[in-house]
Amino acid sequence: MTKRNKATYDLPPELKQSVYDLAVELGIPISSVAAAVIAVGMKQVSRSDLQRYIIPSSSPLHKNKFDIEQFIKDQGL
């Protein structure tokens, strides 16, 4: 059995709901849907696809932030 490895991510409400809805529809854990979507996305999205959505951050913790709202909009989701 694979050891559990939990992670927490900030997601827009619509994306969180989409993952939840698919998990309910398939009758599988939400974390399984999230893991599958992340695995597929890691193969399909290139670094350059993401770099154009990087914008300066005002946070002292991070130099930049990712414009997830624009990214989702541009993906037609």
C-alpha atoms as a PDB file:
ATOM      1  CA  MET A   1       0.000   0.000   0.000  1.00  0.00           C
ATOM      2  CA  THR A   2       1.259   3.460  -0.889  1.00  0.00           C
ATOM      3  CA  LYS A   3       1.975   5.733   2.050  1.00  0.00           C
ATOM      4  CA  ARG A   4      -0.386   8.711   2.200  1.00  0.00           C
ATOM      5  CA  ASN A   5       1.149  12.055   1.344  1.00  0.00           C
ATOM      6  CA  LYS A   6      -1.185  14.964   1.951  1.00  0.00           C
ATOM      7  CA  ALA A   7      -0.887  18.443   0.435  1.00  0.00           C
ATOM      8  CA  THR A   8      -2.976  21.578   0.722  1.00  0.00           C
ATOM      9  CA  TYR A   9      -3.558  23.959  -2.188  1.00  0.00           C
ATOM     10  CA  ASP A  10      -5.484  27.205  -2.555  1.00  0.00           C
ATOM     11  CA  LEU A  11      -7.970  26.751  -5.401  1.00  0.00           C
ATOM     12  CA  PRO A  12     -10.616  29.009  -6.877  1.00  0.00           C
ATOM     13  CA  PRO A  13     -14.089  27.899  -5.720  1.00  0.00           C
ATOM     14  CA  GLU A  14     -15.173  26.909  -9.252  1.00  0.00           C
ATOM     15  CA  LEU A  15     -12.199  24.595  -9.704  1.00  0.00           C
ATOM     16  CA  LYS A  16     -12.698  23.029  -6.291  1.00  0.00           C
ATOM     17  CA  GLN A  17     -16.368  22.446  -7.134  1.00  0.00           C
ATOM     18  CA  SER A  18     -15.503  20.862 -10.495  1.00  0.00           C
ATOM     19  CA  VAL A  19     -13.141  18.394  -8.820  1.00  0.00           C
ATOM     20  CA  TYR A  20     -15.772  17.599  -6.191  1.00  0.00           C
ATOM     21  CA  ASP A  21     -18.536  17.137  -8.772  1.00  0.00           C
ATOM     22  CA  LEU A  22     -16.443  14.726 -10.833  1.00  0.00           C
ATOM     23  CA  ALA A  23     -15.502  12.717  -7.748  1.00  0.00           C
ATOM     24  CA  VAL A  24     -19.161  12.400  -6.736  1.00  0.00           C
ATOM     25  CA  GLU A  25     -20.181  11.457 -10.277  1.00  0.00           C
ATOM     26  CA  LEU A  26     -17.524   8.723 -10.441  1.00  0.00           C
ATOM     27  CA  GLY A  27     -17.962   7.625  -6.830  1.00  0.00           C
ATOM     28  CA  ILE A  28     -14.261   8.022  -6.044  1.00  0.00           C
ATOM     29  CA  PRO A  29     -12.348  10.119  -3.499  1.00  0.00           C
ATOM     30  CA  ILE A  30     -11.838  13.790  -4.262  1.00  0.00           C
ATOM     31  CA  SER A  31      -8.101  13.339  -3.750  1.00  0.00           C
ATOM     32  CA  SER A  32      -8.045  10.714  -6.520  1.00  0.00           C
ATOM     33  CA  VAL A  33      -9.614  13.122  -9.002  1.00  0.00           C
ATOM     34  CA  ALA A  34      -7.232  15.888  -7.924  1.00  0.00           C
ATOM     35  CA  ALA A  35      -4.208  13.585  -8.279  1.00  0.00           C
ATOM     36  CA  ALA A  36      -5.310  12.442 -11.749  1.00  0.00           C
ATOM     37  CA  VAL A  37      -5.901  15.993 -12.944  1.00  0.00           C
ATOM     38  CA  ILE A  38      -2.542  17.149 -11.595  1.00  0.00           C
ATOM     39  CA  ALA A  39      -0.742  14.169 -13.177  1.00  0.00           C
ATOM     40  CA  VAL A  40      -2.289  14.842 -16.592  1.00  0.00           C
ATOM     41  CA  GLY A  41      -1.703  18.574 -16.273  1.00  0.00           C
ATOM     42  CA  MET A  42       1.972  18.091 -15.444  1.00  0.00           C
ATOM     43  CA  LYS A  43       2.411  16.275 -18.742  1.00  0.00           C
ATOM     44  CA  GLN A  44       0.318  18.674 -20.818  1.00  0.00           C
ATOM     45  CA  VAL A  45       1.271  22.110 -19.512  1.00  0.00           C
ATOM     46  CA  SER A  46       4.732  23.411 -20.267  1.00  0.00           C
ATOM     47  CA  ARG A  47       6.736  25.851 -18.223  1.00  0.00           C
ATOM     48  CA  SER A  48       6.324  28.451 -20.980  1.00  0.00           C
ATOM     49  CA  ASP A  49       2.527  27.982 -20.893  1.00  0.00           C
ATOM     50  CA  LEU A  50       2.575  29.050 -17.259  1.00  0.00           C
ATOM     51  CA  GLN A  51       5.245  31.757 -17.401  1.00  0.00           C
ATOM     52  CA  ARG A  52       3.023  34.217 -19.236  1.00  0.00           C
ATOM     53  CA  TYR A  53       0.649  34.224 -16.234  1.00  0.00           C
ATOM     54  CA  ILE A  54       3.325  35.113 -13.693  1.00  0.00           C
ATOM     55  CA  ILE A  55       2.877  38.593 -12.254  1.00  0.00           C
ATOM     56  CA  PRO A  56       4.774  40.471  -9.522  1.00  0.00           C
ATOM     57  CA  SER A  57       3.656  39.798  -5.979  1.00  0.00           C
ATOM     58  CA  SER A  58       3.356  42.295  -3.164  1.00  0.00           C
ATOM     59  CA  SER A  59       3.902  39.487  -0.650  1.00  0.00           C
ATOM     60  CA  PRO A  60       7.209  39.452   1.212  1.00  0.00           C
ATOM     61  CA  LEU A  61       7.137  35.644   0.940  1.00  0.00           C
ATOM     62  CA  HIS A  62       7.059  35.370  -2.858  1.00  0.00           C
ATOM     63  CA  LYS A  63       8.649  37.344  -5.660  1.00  0.00           C
ATOM     64  CA  ASN A  64       5.809  36.485  -8.048  1.00  0.00           C
ATOM     65  CA  LYS A  65       2.313  35.091  -8.076  1.00  0.00           C
ATOM     66  CA  PHE A  66       0.288  33.191 -10.644  1.00  0.00           C
ATOM     67  CA  ASP A  67      -2.798  34.764 -12.207  1.00  0.00           C
ATOM     68  CA  ILE A  68      -4.950  31.639 -11.873  1.00  0.00           C
ATOM     69  CA  GLU A  69      -8.175  33.472 -12.684  1.00  0.00           C
ATOM     70  CA  GLN A  70      -6.859  34.611 -16.067  1.00  0.00           C
ATOM     71  CA  PHE A  71      -5.312  31.208 -16.741  1.00  0.00           C
ATOM     72  CA  ILE A  72      -8.633  29.451 -16.089  1.00  0.00           C
ATOM     73  CA  LYS A  73     -10.491  31.979 -18.221  1.00  0.00           C
ATOM     74  CA  ASP A  74      -8.036  31.534 -21.099  1.00  0.00           C
ATOM     75  CA  GLN A  75      -8.438  27.752 -20.857  1.00  0.00           C
ATOM     76  CA  GLY A  76     -12.184  28.137 -21.376  1.00  0.00           C
ATOM     77  CA  LEU A  77     -12.994  26.486 -18.070  1.00  0.00           C
END
